[in-house]
Amino acid sequence: MPVAGDLTSMSLPDVMQWLGQARKT
């Protein structure tokens, strides 16, 4: 299921860090 949000509530660094640490594809 897609994960969606707004960069004012979840910053770009937080999003990218989550994707990197979770080893997402």
PDBML (XML) file of the C-alpha atoms, coordinates in Angstrom:
<?xml version="1.0" encoding="UTF-8" ?>
<PDBx:datablock datablockName="MODEL"
   xmlns:PDBx="http://pdbml.pdb.org/schema/pdbx-v50.xsd"
   xmlns:xsi="http://www.w3.org/2001/XMLSchema-instance"
   xsi:schemaLocation="http://pdbml.pdb.org/schema/pdbx-v50.xsd pdbx-v50.xsd">
   <PDBx:atom_siteCategory>
      <PDBx:atom_site id="1">
         <PDBx:B_iso_or_equiv>0.00</PDBx:B_iso_or_equiv>
         <PDBx:Cartn_x>0.000</PDBx:Cartn_x>
         <PDBx:Cartn_y>0.000</PDBx:Cartn_y>
         <PDBx:Cartn_z>0.000</PDBx:Cartn_z>
         <PDBx:auth_asym_id>A</PDBx:auth_asym_id>
         <PDBx:auth_atom_id>CA</PDBx:auth_atom_id>
         <PDBx:auth_comp_id>MET</PDBx:auth_comp_id>
         <PDBx:auth_seq_id>1</PDBx:auth_seq_id>
         <PDBx:group_PDB>ATOM</PDBx:group_PDB>
         <PDBx:label_alt_id xsi:nil="true" />
         <PDBx:label_asym_id>A</PDBx:label_asym_id>
         <PDBx:label_atom_id>CA</PDBx:label_atom_id>
         <PDBx:label_comp_id>MET</PDBx:label_comp_id>
         <PDBx:label_entity_id>1</PDBx:label_entity_id>
         <PDBx:label_seq_id>1</PDBx:label_seq_id>
         <PDBx:occupancy>1.00</PDBx:occupancy>
         <PDBx:pdbx_PDB_model_num>1</PDBx:pdbx_PDB_model_num>
         <PDBx:type_symbol>C</PDBx:type_symbol>
      </PDBx:atom_site>
      <PDBx:atom_site id="2">
         <PDBx:B_iso_or_equiv>0.00</PDBx:B_iso_or_equiv>
         <PDBx:Cartn_x>1.467</PDBx:Cartn_x>
         <PDBx:Cartn_y>3.431</PDBx:Cartn_y>
         <PDBx:Cartn_z>-0.926</PDBx:Cartn_z>
         <PDBx:auth_asym_id>A</PDBx:auth_asym_id>
         <PDBx:auth_atom_id>CA</PDBx:auth_atom_id>
         <PDBx:auth_comp_id>PRO</PDBx:auth_comp_id>
         <PDBx:auth_seq_id>2</PDBx:auth_seq_id>
         <PDBx:group_PDB>ATOM</PDBx:group_PDB>
         <PDBx:label_alt_id xsi:nil="true" />
         <PDBx:label_asym_id>A</PDBx:label_asym_id>
         <PDBx:label_atom_id>CA</PDBx:label_atom_id>
         <PDBx:label_comp_id>PRO</PDBx:label_comp_id>
         <PDBx:label_entity_id>1</PDBx:label_entity_id>
         <PDBx:label_seq_id>2</PDBx:label_seq_id>
         <PDBx:occupancy>1.00</PDBx:occupancy>
         <PDBx:pdbx_PDB_model_num>1</PDBx:pdbx_PDB_model_num>
         <PDBx:type_symbol>C</PDBx:type_symbol>
      </PDBx:atom_site>
      <PDBx:atom_site id="3">
         <PDBx:B_iso_or_equiv>0.00</PDBx:B_iso_or_equiv>
         <PDBx:Cartn_x>2.706</PDBx:Cartn_x>
         <PDBx:Cartn_y>5.702</PDBx:Cartn_y>
         <PDBx:Cartn_z>1.859</PDBx:Cartn_z>
         <PDBx:auth_asym_id>A</PDBx:auth_asym_id>
         <PDBx:auth_atom_id>CA</PDBx:auth_atom_id>
         <PDBx:auth_comp_id>VAL</PDBx:auth_comp_id>
         <PDBx:auth_seq_id>3</PDBx:auth_seq_id>
         <PDBx:group_PDB>ATOM</PDBx:group_PDB>
         <PDBx:label_alt_id xsi:nil="true" />
         <PDBx:label_asym_id>A</PDBx:label_asym_id>
         <PDBx:label_atom_id>CA</PDBx:label_atom_id>
         <PDBx:label_comp_id>VAL</PDBx:label_comp_id>
         <PDBx:label_entity_id>1</PDBx:label_entity_id>
         <PDBx:label_seq_id>3</PDBx:label_seq_id>
         <PDBx:occupancy>1.00</PDBx:occupancy>
         <PDBx:pdbx_PDB_model_num>1</PDBx:pdbx_PDB_model_num>
         <PDBx:type_symbol>C</PDBx:type_symbol>
      </PDBx:atom_site>
      <PDBx:atom_site id="4">
         <PDBx:B_iso_or_equiv>0.00</PDBx:B_iso_or_equiv>
         <PDBx:Cartn_x>1.770</PDBx:Cartn_x>
         <PDBx:Cartn_y>9.371</PDBx:Cartn_y>
         <PDBx:Cartn_z>1.323</PDBx:Cartn_z>
         <PDBx:auth_asym_id>A</PDBx:auth_asym_id>
         <PDBx:auth_atom_id>CA</PDBx:auth_atom_id>
         <PDBx:auth_comp_id>ALA</PDBx:auth_comp_id>
         <PDBx:auth_seq_id>4</PDBx:auth_seq_id>
         <PDBx:group_PDB>ATOM</PDBx:group_PDB>
         <PDBx:label_alt_id xsi:nil="true" />
         <PDBx:label_asym_id>A</PDBx:label_asym_id>
         <PDBx:label_atom_id>CA</PDBx:label_atom_id>
         <PDBx:label_comp_id>ALA</PDBx:label_comp_id>
         <PDBx:label_entity_id>1</PDBx:label_entity_id>
         <PDBx:label_seq_id>4</PDBx:label_seq_id>
         <PDBx:occupancy>1.00</PDBx:occupancy>
         <PDBx:pdbx_PDB_model_num>1</PDBx:pdbx_PDB_model_num>
         <PDBx:type_symbol>C</PDBx:type_symbol>
      </PDBx:atom_site>
      <PDBx:atom_site id="5">
         <PDBx:B_iso_or_equiv>0.00</PDBx:B_iso_or_equiv>
         <PDBx:Cartn_x>2.245</PDBx:Cartn_x>
         <PDBx:Cartn_y>12.582</PDBx:Cartn_y>
         <PDBx:Cartn_z>3.223</PDBx:Cartn_z>
         <PDBx:auth_asym_id>A</PDBx:auth_asym_id>
         <PDBx:auth_atom_id>CA</PDBx:auth_atom_id>
         <PDBx:auth_comp_id>GLY</PDBx:auth_comp_id>
         <PDBx:auth_seq_id>5</PDBx:auth_seq_id>
         <PDBx:group_PDB>ATOM</PDBx:group_PDB>
         <PDBx:label_alt_id xsi:nil="true" />
         <PDBx:label_asym_id>A</PDBx:label_asym_id>
         <PDBx:label_atom_id>CA</PDBx:label_atom_id>
         <PDBx:label_comp_id>GLY</PDBx:label_comp_id>
         <PDBx:label_entity_id>1</PDBx:label_entity_id>
         <PDBx:label_seq_id>5</PDBx:label_seq_id>
         <PDBx:occupancy>1.00</PDBx:occupancy>
         <PDBx:pdbx_PDB_model_num>1</PDBx:pdbx_PDB_model_num>
         <PDBx:type_symbol>C</PDBx:type_symbol>
      </PDBx:atom_site>
      <PDBx:atom_site id="6">
         <PDBx:B_iso_or_equiv>0.00</PDBx:B_iso_or_equiv>
         <PDBx:Cartn_x>3.198</PDBx:Cartn_x>
         <PDBx:Cartn_y>16.234</PDBx:Cartn_y>
         <PDBx:Cartn_z>3.260</PDBx:Cartn_z>
         <PDBx:auth_asym_id>A</PDBx:auth_asym_id>
         <PDBx:auth_atom_id>CA</PDBx:auth_atom_id>
         <PDBx:auth_comp_id>ASP</PDBx:auth_comp_id>
         <PDBx:auth_seq_id>6</PDBx:auth_seq_id>
         <PDBx:group_PDB>ATOM</PDBx:group_PDB>
         <PDBx:label_alt_id xsi:nil="true" />
         <PDBx:label_asym_id>A</PDBx:label_asym_id>
         <PDBx:label_atom_id>CA</PDBx:label_atom_id>
         <PDBx:label_comp_id>ASP</PDBx:label_comp_id>
         <PDBx:label_entity_id>1</PDBx:label_entity_id>
         <PDBx:label_seq_id>6</PDBx:label_seq_id>
         <PDBx:occupancy>1.00</PDBx:occupancy>
         <PDBx:pdbx_PDB_model_num>1</PDBx:pdbx_PDB_model_num>
         <PDBx:type_symbol>C</PDBx:type_symbol>
      </PDBx:atom_site>
      <PDBx:atom_site id="7">
         <PDBx:B_iso_or_equiv>0.00</PDBx:B_iso_or_equiv>
         <PDBx:Cartn_x>6.795</PDBx:Cartn_x>
         <PDBx:Cartn_y>17.470</PDBx:Cartn_y>
         <PDBx:Cartn_z>3.501</PDBx:Cartn_z>
         <PDBx:auth_asym_id>A</PDBx:auth_asym_id>
         <PDBx:auth_atom_id>CA</PDBx:auth_atom_id>
         <PDBx:auth_comp_id>LEU</PDBx:auth_comp_id>
         <PDBx:auth_seq_id>7</PDBx:auth_seq_id>
         <PDBx:group_PDB>ATOM</PDBx:group_PDB>
         <PDBx:label_alt_id xsi:nil="true" />
         <PDBx:label_asym_id>A</PDBx:label_asym_id>
         <PDBx:label_atom_id>CA</PDBx:label_atom_id>
         <PDBx:label_comp_id>LEU</PDBx:label_comp_id>
         <PDBx:label_entity_id>1</PDBx:label_entity_id>
         <PDBx:label_seq_id>7</PDBx:label_seq_id>
         <PDBx:occupancy>1.00</PDBx:occupancy>
         <PDBx:pdbx_PDB_model_num>1</PDBx:pdbx_PDB_model_num>
         <PDBx:type_symbol>C</PDBx:type_symbol>
      </PDBx:atom_site>
      <PDBx:atom_site id="8">
         <PDBx:B_iso_or_equiv>0.00</PDBx:B_iso_or_equiv>
         <PDBx:Cartn_x>5.775</PDBx:Cartn_x>
         <PDBx:Cartn_y>20.096</PDBx:Cartn_y>
         <PDBx:Cartn_z>6.047</PDBx:Cartn_z>
         <PDBx:auth_asym_id>A</PDBx:auth_asym_id>
         <PDBx:auth_atom_id>CA</PDBx:auth_atom_id>
         <PDBx:auth_comp_id>THR</PDBx:auth_comp_id>
         <PDBx:auth_seq_id>8</PDBx:auth_seq_id>
         <PDBx:group_PDB>ATOM</PDBx:group_PDB>
         <PDBx:label_alt_id xsi:nil="true" />
         <PDBx:label_asym_id>A</PDBx:label_asym_id>
         <PDBx:label_atom_id>CA</PDBx:label_atom_id>
         <PDBx:label_comp_id>THR</PDBx:label_comp_id>
         <PDBx:label_entity_id>1</PDBx:label_entity_id>
         <PDBx:label_seq_id>8</PDBx:label_seq_id>
         <PDBx:occupancy>1.00</PDBx:occupancy>
         <PDBx:pdbx_PDB_model_num>1</PDBx:pdbx_PDB_model_num>
         <PDBx:type_symbol>C</PDBx:type_symbol>
      </PDBx:atom_site>
      <PDBx:atom_site id="9">
         <PDBx:B_iso_or_equiv>0.00</PDBx:B_iso_or_equiv>
         <PDBx:Cartn_x>4.744</PDBx:Cartn_x>
         <PDBx:Cartn_y>17.352</PDBx:Cartn_y>
         <PDBx:Cartn_z>8.483</PDBx:Cartn_z>
         <PDBx:auth_asym_id>A</PDBx:auth_asym_id>
         <PDBx:auth_atom_id>CA</PDBx:auth_atom_id>
         <PDBx:auth_comp_id>SER</PDBx:auth_comp_id>
         <PDBx:auth_seq_id>9</PDBx:auth_seq_id>
         <PDBx:group_PDB>ATOM</PDBx:group_PDB>
         <PDBx:label_alt_id xsi:nil="true" />
         <PDBx:label_asym_id>A</PDBx:label_asym_id>
         <PDBx:label_atom_id>CA</PDBx:label_atom_id>
         <PDBx:label_comp_id>SER</PDBx:label_comp_id>
         <PDBx:label_entity_id>1</PDBx:label_entity_id>
         <PDBx:label_seq_id>9</PDBx:label_seq_id>
         <PDBx:occupancy>1.00</PDBx:occupancy>
         <PDBx:pdbx_PDB_model_num>1</PDBx:pdbx_PDB_model_num>
         <PDBx:type_symbol>C</PDBx:type_symbol>
      </PDBx:atom_site>
      <PDBx:atom_site id="10">
         <PDBx:B_iso_or_equiv>0.00</PDBx:B_iso_or_equiv>
         <PDBx:Cartn_x>7.336</PDBx:Cartn_x>
         <PDBx:Cartn_y>14.713</PDBx:Cartn_y>
         <PDBx:Cartn_z>7.516</PDBx:Cartn_z>
         <PDBx:auth_asym_id>A</PDBx:auth_asym_id>
         <PDBx:auth_atom_id>CA</PDBx:auth_atom_id>
         <PDBx:auth_comp_id>MET</PDBx:auth_comp_id>
         <PDBx:auth_seq_id>10</PDBx:auth_seq_id>
         <PDBx:group_PDB>ATOM</PDBx:group_PDB>
         <PDBx:label_alt_id xsi:nil="true" />
         <PDBx:label_asym_id>A</PDBx:label_asym_id>
         <PDBx:label_atom_id>CA</PDBx:label_atom_id>
         <PDBx:label_comp_id>MET</PDBx:label_comp_id>
         <PDBx:label_entity_id>1</PDBx:label_entity_id>
         <PDBx:label_seq_id>10</PDBx:label_seq_id>
         <PDBx:occupancy>1.00</PDBx:occupancy>
         <PDBx:pdbx_PDB_model_num>1</PDBx:pdbx_PDB_model_num>
         <PDBx:type_symbol>C</PDBx:type_symbol>
      </PDBx:atom_site>
      <PDBx:atom_site id="11">
         <PDBx:B_iso_or_equiv>0.00</PDBx:B_iso_or_equiv>
         <PDBx:Cartn_x>10.514</PDBx:Cartn_x>
         <PDBx:Cartn_y>16.232</PDBx:Cartn_y>
         <PDBx:Cartn_z>6.134</PDBx:Cartn_z>
         <PDBx:auth_asym_id>A</PDBx:auth_asym_id>
         <PDBx:auth_atom_id>CA</PDBx:auth_atom_id>
         <PDBx:auth_comp_id>SER</PDBx:auth_comp_id>
         <PDBx:auth_seq_id>11</PDBx:auth_seq_id>
         <PDBx:group_PDB>ATOM</PDBx:group_PDB>
         <PDBx:label_alt_id xsi:nil="true" />
         <PDBx:label_asym_id>A</PDBx:label_asym_id>
         <PDBx:label_atom_id>CA</PDBx:label_atom_id>
         <PDBx:label_comp_id>SER</PDBx:label_comp_id>
         <PDBx:label_entity_id>1</PDBx:label_entity_id>
         <PDBx:label_seq_id>11</PDBx:label_seq_id>
         <PDBx:occupancy>1.00</PDBx:occupancy>
         <PDBx:pdbx_PDB_model_num>1</PDBx:pdbx_PDB_model_num>
         <PDBx:type_symbol>C</PDBx:type_symbol>
      </PDBx:atom_site>
      <PDBx:atom_site id="12">
         <PDBx:B_iso_or_equiv>0.00</PDBx:B_iso_or_equiv>
         <PDBx:Cartn_x>12.347</PDBx:Cartn_x>
         <PDBx:Cartn_y>14.929</PDBx:Cartn_y>
         <PDBx:Cartn_z>3.083</PDBx:Cartn_z>
         <PDBx:auth_asym_id>A</PDBx:auth_asym_id>
         <PDBx:auth_atom_id>CA</PDBx:auth_atom_id>
         <PDBx:auth_comp_id>LEU</PDBx:auth_comp_id>
         <PDBx:auth_seq_id>12</PDBx:auth_seq_id>
         <PDBx:group_PDB>ATOM</PDBx:group_PDB>
         <PDBx:label_alt_id xsi:nil="true" />
         <PDBx:label_asym_id>A</PDBx:label_asym_id>
         <PDBx:label_atom_id>CA</PDBx:label_atom_id>
         <PDBx:label_comp_id>LEU</PDBx:label_comp_id>
         <PDBx:label_entity_id>1</PDBx:label_entity_id>
         <PDBx:label_seq_id>12</PDBx:label_seq_id>
         <PDBx:occupancy>1.00</PDBx:occupancy>
         <PDBx:pdbx_PDB_model_num>1</PDBx:pdbx_PDB_model_num>
         <PDBx:type_symbol>C</PDBx:type_symbol>
      </PDBx:atom_site>
      <PDBx:atom_site id="13">
         <PDBx:B_iso_or_equiv>0.00</PDBx:B_iso_or_equiv>
         <PDBx:Cartn_x>15.384</PDBx:Cartn_x>
         <PDBx:Cartn_y>13.811</PDBx:Cartn_y>
         <PDBx:Cartn_z>5.163</PDBx:Cartn_z>
         <PDBx:auth_asym_id>A</PDBx:auth_asym_id>
         <PDBx:auth_atom_id>CA</PDBx:auth_atom_id>
         <PDBx:auth_comp_id>PRO</PDBx:auth_comp_id>
         <PDBx:auth_seq_id>13</PDBx:auth_seq_id>
         <PDBx:group_PDB>ATOM</PDBx:group_PDB>
         <PDBx:label_alt_id xsi:nil="true" />
         <PDBx:label_asym_id>A</PDBx:label_asym_id>
         <PDBx:label_atom_id>CA</PDBx:label_atom_id>
         <PDBx:label_comp_id>PRO</PDBx:label_comp_id>
         <PDBx:label_entity_id>1</PDBx:label_entity_id>
         <PDBx:label_seq_id>13</PDBx:label_seq_id>
         <PDBx:occupancy>1.00</PDBx:occupancy>
         <PDBx:pdbx_PDB_model_num>1</PDBx:pdbx_PDB_model_num>
         <PDBx:type_symbol>C</PDBx:type_symbol>
      </PDBx:atom_site>
      <PDBx:atom_site id="14">
         <PDBx:B_iso_or_equiv>0.00</PDBx:B_iso_or_equiv>
         <PDBx:Cartn_x>13.065</PDBx:Cartn_x>
         <PDBx:Cartn_y>11.821</PDBx:Cartn_y>
         <PDBx:Cartn_z>7.439</PDBx:Cartn_z>
         <PDBx:auth_asym_id>A</PDBx:auth_asym_id>
         <PDBx:auth_atom_id>CA</PDBx:auth_atom_id>
         <PDBx:auth_comp_id>ASP</PDBx:auth_comp_id>
         <PDBx:auth_seq_id>14</PDBx:auth_seq_id>
         <PDBx:group_PDB>ATOM</PDBx:group_PDB>
         <PDBx:label_alt_id xsi:nil="true" />
         <PDBx:label_asym_id>A</PDBx:label_asym_id>
         <PDBx:label_atom_id>CA</PDBx:label_atom_id>
         <PDBx:label_comp_id>ASP</PDBx:label_comp_id>
         <PDBx:label_entity_id>1</PDBx:label_entity_id>
         <PDBx:label_seq_id>14</PDBx:label_seq_id>
         <PDBx:occupancy>1.00</PDBx:occupancy>
         <PDBx:pdbx_PDB_model_num>1</PDBx:pdbx_PDB_model_num>
         <PDBx:type_symbol>C</PDBx:type_symbol>
      </PDBx:atom_site>
      <PDBx:atom_site id="15">
         <PDBx:B_iso_or_equiv>0.00</PDBx:B_iso_or_equiv>
         <PDBx:Cartn_x>11.385</PDBx:Cartn_x>
         <PDBx:Cartn_y>10.148</PDBx:Cartn_y>
         <PDBx:Cartn_z>4.447</PDBx:Cartn_z>
         <PDBx:auth_asym_id>A</PDBx:auth_asym_id>
         <PDBx:auth_atom_id>CA</PDBx:auth_atom_id>
         <PDBx:auth_comp_id>VAL</PDBx:auth_comp_id>
         <PDBx:auth_seq_id>15</PDBx:auth_seq_id>
         <PDBx:group_PDB>ATOM</PDBx:group_PDB>
         <PDBx:label_alt_id xsi:nil="true" />
         <PDBx:label_asym_id>A</PDBx:label_asym_id>
         <PDBx:label_atom_id>CA</PDBx:label_atom_id>
         <PDBx:label_comp_id>VAL</PDBx:label_comp_id>
         <PDBx:label_entity_id>1</PDBx:label_entity_id>
         <PDBx:label_seq_id>15</PDBx:label_seq_id>
         <PDBx:occupancy>1.00</PDBx:occupancy>
         <PDBx:pdbx_PDB_model_num>1</PDBx:pdbx_PDB_model_num>
         <PDBx:type_symbol>C</PDBx:type_symbol>
      </PDBx:atom_site>
      <PDBx:atom_site id="16">
         <PDBx:B_iso_or_equiv>0.00</PDBx:B_iso_or_equiv>
         <PDBx:Cartn_x>14.683</PDBx:Cartn_x>
         <PDBx:Cartn_y>9.278</PDBx:Cartn_y>
         <PDBx:Cartn_z>2.775</PDBx:Cartn_z>
         <PDBx:auth_asym_id>A</PDBx:auth_asym_id>
         <PDBx:auth_atom_id>CA</PDBx:auth_atom_id>
         <PDBx:auth_comp_id>MET</PDBx:auth_comp_id>
         <PDBx:auth_seq_id>16</PDBx:auth_seq_id>
         <PDBx:group_PDB>ATOM</PDBx:group_PDB>
         <PDBx:label_alt_id xsi:nil="true" />
         <PDBx:label_asym_id>A</PDBx:label_asym_id>
         <PDBx:label_atom_id>CA</PDBx:label_atom_id>
         <PDBx:label_comp_id>MET</PDBx:label_comp_id>
         <PDBx:label_entity_id>1</PDBx:label_entity_id>
         <PDBx:label_seq_id>16</PDBx:label_seq_id>
         <PDBx:occupancy>1.00</PDBx:occupancy>
         <PDBx:pdbx_PDB_model_num>1</PDBx:pdbx_PDB_model_num>
         <PDBx:type_symbol>C</PDBx:type_symbol>
      </PDBx:atom_site>
      <PDBx:atom_site id="17">
         <PDBx:B_iso_or_equiv>0.00</PDBx:B_iso_or_equiv>
         <PDBx:Cartn_x>16.260</PDBx:Cartn_x>
         <PDBx:Cartn_y>8.046</PDBx:Cartn_y>
         <PDBx:Cartn_z>6.009</PDBx:Cartn_z>
         <PDBx:auth_asym_id>A</PDBx:auth_asym_id>
         <PDBx:auth_atom_id>CA</PDBx:auth_atom_id>
         <PDBx:auth_comp_id>GLN</PDBx:auth_comp_id>
         <PDBx:auth_seq_id>17</PDBx:auth_seq_id>
         <PDBx:group_PDB>ATOM</PDBx:group_PDB>
         <PDBx:label_alt_id xsi:nil="true" />
         <PDBx:label_asym_id>A</PDBx:label_asym_id>
         <PDBx:label_atom_id>CA</PDBx:label_atom_id>
         <PDBx:label_comp_id>GLN</PDBx:label_comp_id>
         <PDBx:label_entity_id>1</PDBx:label_entity_id>
         <PDBx:label_seq_id>17</PDBx:label_seq_id>
         <PDBx:occupancy>1.00</PDBx:occupancy>
         <PDBx:pdbx_PDB_model_num>1</PDBx:pdbx_PDB_model_num>
         <PDBx:type_symbol>C</PDBx:type_symbol>
      </PDBx:atom_site>
      <PDBx:atom_site id="18">
         <PDBx:B_iso_or_equiv>0.00</PDBx:B_iso_or_equiv>
         <PDBx:Cartn_x>13.314</PDBx:Cartn_x>
         <PDBx:Cartn_y>5.693</PDBx:Cartn_y>
         <PDBx:Cartn_z>6.554</PDBx:Cartn_z>
         <PDBx:auth_asym_id>A</PDBx:auth_asym_id>
         <PDBx:auth_atom_id>CA</PDBx:auth_atom_id>
         <PDBx:auth_comp_id>TRP</PDBx:auth_comp_id>
         <PDBx:auth_seq_id>18</PDBx:auth_seq_id>
         <PDBx:group_PDB>ATOM</PDBx:group_PDB>
         <PDBx:label_alt_id xsi:nil="true" />
         <PDBx:label_asym_id>A</PDBx:label_asym_id>
         <PDBx:label_atom_id>CA</PDBx:label_atom_id>
         <PDBx:label_comp_id>TRP</PDBx:label_comp_id>
         <PDBx:label_entity_id>1</PDBx:label_entity_id>
         <PDBx:label_seq_id>18</PDBx:label_seq_id>
         <PDBx:occupancy>1.00</PDBx:occupancy>
         <PDBx:pdbx_PDB_model_num>1</PDBx:pdbx_PDB_model_num>
         <PDBx:type_symbol>C</PDBx:type_symbol>
      </PDBx:atom_site>
      <PDBx:atom_site id="19">
         <PDBx:B_iso_or_equiv>0.00</PDBx:B_iso_or_equiv>
         <PDBx:Cartn_x>13.598</PDBx:Cartn_x>
         <PDBx:Cartn_y>4.342</PDBx:Cartn_y>
         <PDBx:Cartn_z>3.007</PDBx:Cartn_z>
         <PDBx:auth_asym_id>A</PDBx:auth_asym_id>
         <PDBx:auth_atom_id>CA</PDBx:auth_atom_id>
         <PDBx:auth_comp_id>LEU</PDBx:auth_comp_id>
         <PDBx:auth_seq_id>19</PDBx:auth_seq_id>
         <PDBx:group_PDB>ATOM</PDBx:group_PDB>
         <PDBx:label_alt_id xsi:nil="true" />
         <PDBx:label_asym_id>A</PDBx:label_asym_id>
         <PDBx:label_atom_id>CA</PDBx:label_atom_id>
         <PDBx:label_comp_id>LEU</PDBx:label_comp_id>
         <PDBx:label_entity_id>1</PDBx:label_entity_id>
         <PDBx:label_seq_id>19</PDBx:label_seq_id>
         <PDBx:occupancy>1.00</PDBx:occupancy>
         <PDBx:pdbx_PDB_model_num>1</PDBx:pdbx_PDB_model_num>
         <PDBx:type_symbol>C</PDBx:type_symbol>
      </PDBx:atom_site>
      <PDBx:atom_site id="20">
         <PDBx:B_iso_or_equiv>0.00</PDBx:B_iso_or_equiv>
         <PDBx:Cartn_x>17.326</PDBx:Cartn_x>
         <PDBx:Cartn_y>3.807</PDBx:Cartn_y>
         <PDBx:Cartn_z>3.393</PDBx:Cartn_z>
         <PDBx:auth_asym_id>A</PDBx:auth_asym_id>
         <PDBx:auth_atom_id>CA</PDBx:auth_atom_id>
         <PDBx:auth_comp_id>GLY</PDBx:auth_comp_id>
         <PDBx:auth_seq_id>20</PDBx:auth_seq_id>
         <PDBx:group_PDB>ATOM</PDBx:group_PDB>
         <PDBx:label_alt_id xsi:nil="true" />
         <PDBx:label_asym_id>A</PDBx:label_asym_id>
         <PDBx:label_atom_id>CA</PDBx:label_atom_id>
         <PDBx:label_comp_id>GLY</PDBx:label_comp_id>
         <PDBx:label_entity_id>1</PDBx:label_entity_id>
         <PDBx:label_seq_id>20</PDBx:label_seq_id>
         <PDBx:occupancy>1.00</PDBx:occupancy>
         <PDBx:pdbx_PDB_model_num>1</PDBx:pdbx_PDB_model_num>
         <PDBx:type_symbol>C</PDBx:type_symbol>
      </PDBx:atom_site>
      <PDBx:atom_site id="21">
         <PDBx:B_iso_or_equiv>0.00</PDBx:B_iso_or_equiv>
         <PDBx:Cartn_x>17.240</PDBx:Cartn_x>
         <PDBx:Cartn_y>2.165</PDBx:Cartn_y>
         <PDBx:Cartn_z>6.807</PDBx:Cartn_z>
         <PDBx:auth_asym_id>A</PDBx:auth_asym_id>
         <PDBx:auth_atom_id>CA</PDBx:auth_atom_id>
         <PDBx:auth_comp_id>GLN</PDBx:auth_comp_id>
         <PDBx:auth_seq_id>21</PDBx:auth_seq_id>
         <PDBx:group_PDB>ATOM</PDBx:group_PDB>
         <PDBx:label_alt_id xsi:nil="true" />
         <PDBx:label_asym_id>A</PDBx:label_asym_id>
         <PDBx:label_atom_id>CA</PDBx:label_atom_id>
         <PDBx:label_comp_id>GLN</PDBx:label_comp_id>
         <PDBx:label_entity_id>1</PDBx:label_entity_id>
         <PDBx:label_seq_id>21</PDBx:label_seq_id>
         <PDBx:occupancy>1.00</PDBx:occupancy>
         <PDBx:pdbx_PDB_model_num>1</PDBx:pdbx_PDB_model_num>
         <PDBx:type_symbol>C</PDBx:type_symbol>
      </PDBx:atom_site>
      <PDBx:atom_site id="22">
         <PDBx:B_iso_or_equiv>0.00</PDBx:B_iso_or_equiv>
         <PDBx:Cartn_x>14.325</PDBx:Cartn_x>
         <PDBx:Cartn_y>-0.093</PDBx:Cartn_y>
         <PDBx:Cartn_z>5.828</PDBx:Cartn_z>
         <PDBx:auth_asym_id>A</PDBx:auth_asym_id>
         <PDBx:auth_atom_id>CA</PDBx:auth_atom_id>
         <PDBx:auth_comp_id>ALA</PDBx:auth_comp_id>
         <PDBx:auth_seq_id>22</PDBx:auth_seq_id>
         <PDBx:group_PDB>ATOM</PDBx:group_PDB>
         <PDBx:label_alt_id xsi:nil="true" />
         <PDBx:label_asym_id>A</PDBx:label_asym_id>
         <PDBx:label_atom_id>CA</PDBx:label_atom_id>
         <PDBx:label_comp_id>ALA</PDBx:label_comp_id>
         <PDBx:label_entity_id>1</PDBx:label_entity_id>
         <PDBx:label_seq_id>22</PDBx:label_seq_id>
         <PDBx:occupancy>1.00</PDBx:occupancy>
         <PDBx:pdbx_PDB_model_num>1</PDBx:pdbx_PDB_model_num>
         <PDBx:type_symbol>C</PDBx:type_symbol>
      </PDBx:atom_site>
      <PDBx:atom_site id="23">
         <PDBx:B_iso_or_equiv>0.00</PDBx:B_iso_or_equiv>
         <PDBx:Cartn_x>16.195</PDBx:Cartn_x>
         <PDBx:Cartn_y>-1.040</PDBx:Cartn_y>
         <PDBx:Cartn_z>2.607</PDBx:Cartn_z>
         <PDBx:auth_asym_id>A</PDBx:auth_asym_id>
         <PDBx:auth_atom_id>CA</PDBx:auth_atom_id>
         <PDBx:auth_comp_id>ARG</PDBx:auth_comp_id>
         <PDBx:auth_seq_id>23</PDBx:auth_seq_id>
         <PDBx:group_PDB>ATOM</PDBx:group_PDB>
         <PDBx:label_alt_id xsi:nil="true" />
         <PDBx:label_asym_id>A</PDBx:label_asym_id>
         <PDBx:label_atom_id>CA</PDBx:label_atom_id>
         <PDBx:label_comp_id>ARG</PDBx:label_comp_id>
         <PDBx:label_entity_id>1</PDBx:label_entity_id>
         <PDBx:label_seq_id>23</PDBx:label_seq_id>
         <PDBx:occupancy>1.00</PDBx:occupancy>
         <PDBx:pdbx_PDB_model_num>1</PDBx:pdbx_PDB_model_num>
         <PDBx:type_symbol>C</PDBx:type_symbol>
      </PDBx:atom_site>
      <PDBx:atom_site id="24">
         <PDBx:B_iso_or_equiv>0.00</PDBx:B_iso_or_equiv>
         <PDBx:Cartn_x>13.097</PDBx:Cartn_x>
         <PDBx:Cartn_y>-0.260</PDBx:Cartn_y>
         <PDBx:Cartn_z>0.570</PDBx:Cartn_z>
         <PDBx:auth_asym_id>A</PDBx:auth_asym_id>
         <PDBx:auth_atom_id>CA</PDBx:auth_atom_id>
         <PDBx:auth_comp_id>LYS</PDBx:auth_comp_id>
         <PDBx:auth_seq_id>24</PDBx:auth_seq_id>
         <PDBx:group_PDB>ATOM</PDBx:group_PDB>
         <PDBx:label_alt_id xsi:nil="true" />
         <PDBx:label_asym_id>A</PDBx:label_asym_id>
         <PDBx:label_atom_id>CA</PDBx:label_atom_id>
         <PDBx:label_comp_id>LYS</PDBx:label_comp_id>
         <PDBx:label_entity_id>1</PDBx:label_entity_id>
         <PDBx:label_seq_id>24</PDBx:label_seq_id>
         <PDBx:occupancy>1.00</PDBx:occupancy>
         <PDBx:pdbx_PDB_model_num>1</PDBx:pdbx_PDB_model_num>
         <PDBx:type_symbol>C</PDBx:type_symbol>
      </PDBx:atom_site>
      <PDBx:atom_site id="25">
         <PDBx:B_iso_or_equiv>0.00</PDBx:B_iso_or_equiv>
         <PDBx:Cartn_x>12.695</PDBx:Cartn_x>
         <PDBx:Cartn_y>-0.879</PDBx:Cartn_y>
         <PDBx:Cartn_z>-3.160</PDBx:Cartn_z>
         <PDBx:auth_asym_id>A</PDBx:auth_asym_id>
         <PDBx:auth_atom_id>CA</PDBx:auth_atom_id>
         <PDBx:auth_comp_id>THR</PDBx:auth_comp_id>
         <PDBx:auth_seq_id>25</PDBx:auth_seq_id>
         <PDBx:group_PDB>ATOM</PDBx:group_PDB>
         <PDBx:label_alt_id xsi:nil="true" />
         <PDBx:label_asym_id>A</PDBx:label_asym_id>
         <PDBx:label_atom_id>CA</PDBx:label_atom_id>
         <PDBx:label_comp_id>THR</PDBx:label_comp_id>
         <PDBx:label_entity_id>1</PDBx:label_entity_id>
         <PDBx:label_seq_id>25</PDBx:label_seq_id>
         <PDBx:occupancy>1.00</PDBx:occupancy>
         <PDBx:pdbx_PDB_model_num>1</PDBx:pdbx_PDB_model_num>
         <PDBx:type_symbol>C</PDBx:type_symbol>
      </PDBx:atom_site>
   </PDBx:atom_siteCategory>
</PDBx:datablock>
